[in-house]
Amino acid sequence: MLIRLEQETDRQQIRSINTRAFDTSAEANLVDILRRSDVPLISLVAEENGQLIGHILFSPVSLQGQTDAPAIAGLGPMAVLPDWQGQGVGGHLVTAGLKYCSEAGYDAVVVLGHPEYYPRFGFVPASRFNIKSEYEVPDEVFMLKELKPATLTGIEGIIQYHEAFNQV
């Protein structure tokens, strides 16, 4: 399996992956809106034998309440074609994505996701860092991973996602 950066020619297949992996087209629409917003994105695909089978997107988020906030990326959406789910594709995408985020200068990554899945990659409840989501969600589903140790020491606030997240 090859994990690589998205190419412009992949976009229709990425939309199809997101549409097929989720119950609605909201995630696919979110990806399209974020692309049009001109924010710096890290968009990776998983490819097997020339076929795209998965996609993951990271976009910058802001930490309200801090004047000198660290650089934080938000993970999501992540999608894997139904026939490929449960085979480690998502794990490869997350691992590669975290590496790309670190190389791009991000200090941490947040995710709103399954509390049974993301801890295996080092994510912990963001509340441990006195960081909360702008959305009303259970504590255990809003998680954070420091990419640079102790970056968030003494930092607190509310993570705000790009406005595109409120448009879908």
Protein backbone atom coordinates (compact mmCIF):
# COMPACT_ATOMS: atom_id res chain seq x y z
CA MET A 1 0.00 0.00 0.00
CA LEU A 2 1.24 3.44 -0.94
CA ILE A 3 0.39 6.51 1.18
CA ARG A 4 0.98 9.72 -0.74
CA LEU A 5 -0.08 13.32 -1.03
CA GLU A 6 -3.28 13.96 -2.94
CA GLN A 7 -2.92 15.02 -6.55
CA GLU A 8 -5.44 17.19 -8.34
CA THR A 9 -6.40 14.23 -10.53
CA ASP A 10 -7.40 12.28 -7.38
CA ARG A 11 -10.16 14.65 -6.32
CA GLN A 12 -13.13 12.87 -7.87
CA GLN A 13 -12.00 9.53 -6.43
CA ILE A 14 -11.49 11.16 -3.01
CA ARG A 15 -15.03 12.51 -3.15
CA SER A 16 -16.28 9.01 -3.99
CA ILE A 17 -14.32 7.47 -1.08
CA ASN A 18 -15.79 9.97 1.38
CA THR A 19 -19.31 9.52 0.02
CA ARG A 20 -19.12 5.74 0.17
CA ALA A 21 -17.48 5.59 3.61
CA PHE A 22 -20.05 7.80 5.36
CA ASP A 23 -23.85 7.81 5.55
CA THR A 24 -24.14 11.25 3.94
CA SER A 25 -22.13 13.40 1.58
CA ALA A 26 -21.31 15.90 4.38
CA GLU A 27 -17.67 14.81 4.69
CA ALA A 28 -17.14 14.87 0.92
CA ASN A 29 -18.69 18.35 0.82
CA LEU A 30 -16.45 19.47 3.69
CA VAL A 31 -13.33 18.37 1.81
CA ASP A 32 -14.46 20.32 -1.27
CA ILE A 33 -15.23 23.47 0.76
CA LEU A 34 -11.89 23.32 2.57
CA ARG A 35 -10.04 22.99 -0.74
CA ARG A 36 -11.77 26.12 -2.05
CA SER A 37 -10.95 28.04 1.15
CA ASP A 38 -7.23 28.23 0.37
CA VAL A 39 -6.20 27.14 3.87
CA PRO A 40 -3.08 24.95 3.89
CA LEU A 41 -4.22 21.34 3.88
CA ILE A 42 -2.44 18.05 4.29
CA SER A 43 -4.45 15.64 2.16
CA LEU A 44 -3.21 12.08 1.83
CA VAL A 45 -4.52 9.07 -0.05
CA ALA A 46 -3.98 5.35 0.36
CA GLU A 47 -3.42 3.57 -2.93
CA GLU A 48 -3.42 -0.16 -3.56
CA ASN A 49 -2.60 -1.52 -7.04
CA GLY A 50 -3.39 1.85 -8.62
CA GLN A 51 -6.77 2.20 -6.87
CA LEU A 52 -7.44 4.83 -4.21
CA ILE A 53 -8.90 3.11 -1.16
CA GLY A 54 -8.60 5.74 1.57
CA HIS A 55 -8.23 9.44 2.30
CA ILE A 56 -7.30 11.60 5.28
CA LEU A 57 -7.34 15.36 5.64
CA PHE A 58 -5.65 17.69 8.13
CA SER A 59 -6.51 21.39 8.31
CA PRO A 60 -5.33 24.16 10.62
CA VAL A 61 -7.41 24.97 13.70
CA SER A 62 -7.08 27.90 16.06
CA LEU A 63 -6.79 27.92 19.84
CA GLN A 64 -9.00 30.70 21.18
CA GLY A 65 -7.88 32.30 24.41
CA GLN A 66 -4.17 32.25 23.60
CA THR A 67 -2.18 35.10 22.08
CA ASP A 68 0.86 32.97 21.29
CA ALA A 69 -0.84 29.68 20.47
CA PRO A 70 1.01 26.66 19.12
CA ALA A 71 0.29 25.48 15.57
CA ILE A 72 -2.43 22.84 15.75
CA ALA A 73 -3.97 20.77 12.95
CA GLY A 74 -7.37 19.11 12.99
CA LEU A 75 -7.62 15.56 11.67
CA GLY A 76 -10.74 14.90 9.70
CA PRO A 77 -12.32 13.57 7.80
CA MET A 78 -10.69 10.20 7.36
CA ALA A 79 -12.40 7.72 5.06
CA VAL A 80 -11.68 4.20 3.85
CA LEU A 81 -13.72 2.36 1.24
CA PRO A 82 -16.07 -0.10 2.95
CA ASP A 83 -14.41 -3.18 1.40
CA TRP A 84 -11.06 -2.06 2.85
CA GLN A 85 -12.17 -1.11 6.35
CA GLY A 86 -10.70 -3.10 9.20
CA GLN A 87 -7.52 -3.89 7.25
CA GLY A 88 -5.20 -1.23 8.65
CA VAL A 89 -5.64 1.37 5.90
CA GLY A 90 -6.85 4.02 8.33
CA GLY A 91 -3.94 3.33 10.67
CA HIS A 92 -1.44 3.82 7.86
CA LEU A 93 -3.16 7.08 6.90
CA VAL A 94 -3.12 8.40 10.48
CA THR A 95 0.53 7.45 11.04
CA ALA A 96 1.66 9.04 7.78
CA GLY A 97 -0.52 12.08 8.38
CA LEU A 98 0.98 12.71 11.82
CA LYS A 99 4.44 12.56 10.27
CA TYR A 100 3.46 15.04 7.56
CA CYS A 101 1.94 17.36 10.20
CA SER A 102 5.13 17.25 12.24
CA GLU A 103 7.25 17.99 9.17
CA ALA A 104 4.92 20.88 8.27
CA GLY A 105 5.62 22.48 11.65
CA TYR A 106 2.48 21.59 13.58
CA ASP A 107 2.94 21.25 17.33
CA ALA A 108 -0.17 19.14 17.95
CA VAL A 109 -3.14 17.49 16.25
CA VAL A 110 -6.73 17.33 17.49
CA VAL A 111 -9.41 14.88 16.43
CA LEU A 112 -13.08 14.49 17.08
CA GLY A 113 -13.36 10.72 16.77
CA HIS A 114 -13.79 7.26 18.18
CA PRO A 115 -12.27 6.98 21.67
CA GLU A 116 -11.45 3.30 21.07
CA TYR A 117 -9.50 4.01 17.87
CA TYR A 118 -7.32 7.10 18.18
CA PRO A 119 -5.54 6.40 21.50
CA ARG A 120 -3.44 3.75 19.72
CA PHE A 121 -1.73 6.66 17.92
CA GLY A 122 -1.06 8.57 21.14
CA PHE A 123 -4.21 10.68 21.26
CA VAL A 124 -5.58 11.48 24.73
CA PRO A 125 -8.61 13.51 25.81
CA ALA A 126 -7.80 17.15 25.07
CA SER A 127 -9.22 18.07 28.45
CA ARG A 128 -5.98 16.77 29.99
CA PHE A 129 -4.40 19.88 28.48
CA ASN A 130 -7.29 22.18 29.48
CA ILE A 131 -8.25 22.35 25.83
CA LYS A 132 -11.86 22.00 24.73
CA SER A 133 -13.73 21.79 21.46
CA GLU A 134 -15.97 24.57 20.24
CA TYR A 135 -18.60 21.85 19.81
CA GLU A 136 -20.56 20.27 22.64
CA VAL A 137 -19.14 16.74 22.55
CA PRO A 138 -18.33 14.12 25.17
CA ASP A 139 -14.88 14.56 26.70
CA GLU A 140 -13.61 11.19 25.49
CA VAL A 141 -14.25 11.88 21.78
CA PHE A 142 -12.31 15.15 21.55
CA MET A 143 -8.66 14.12 21.63
CA LEU A 144 -5.25 15.64 21.14
CA LYS A 145 -1.76 14.43 20.36
CA GLU A 146 1.31 16.54 21.00
CA LEU A 147 3.79 16.25 18.16
CA LYS A 148 6.40 18.24 20.08
CA PRO A 149 6.55 17.20 23.76
CA ALA A 150 5.53 19.81 26.35
CA THR A 151 4.32 22.20 23.63
CA LEU A 152 0.99 22.54 25.39
CA THR A 153 2.29 22.94 28.93
CA GLY A 154 0.54 25.94 30.46
CA ILE A 155 -1.69 26.38 27.41
CA GLU A 156 -5.48 26.27 27.56
CA GLY A 157 -8.39 27.36 25.45
CA ILE A 158 -11.03 26.35 22.97
CA ILE A 159 -10.21 24.80 19.60
CA GLN A 160 -12.04 26.47 16.76
CA TYR A 161 -12.28 24.70 13.42
CA HIS A 162 -12.37 26.42 10.04
CA GLU A 163 -15.79 27.91 9.26
CA ALA A 164 -16.25 25.22 6.58
CA PHE A 165 -17.02 22.73 9.36
CA ASN A 166 -20.16 24.73 10.16
CA GLN A 167 -21.30 24.81 6.52
CA VAL A 168 -21.95 21.08 6.13
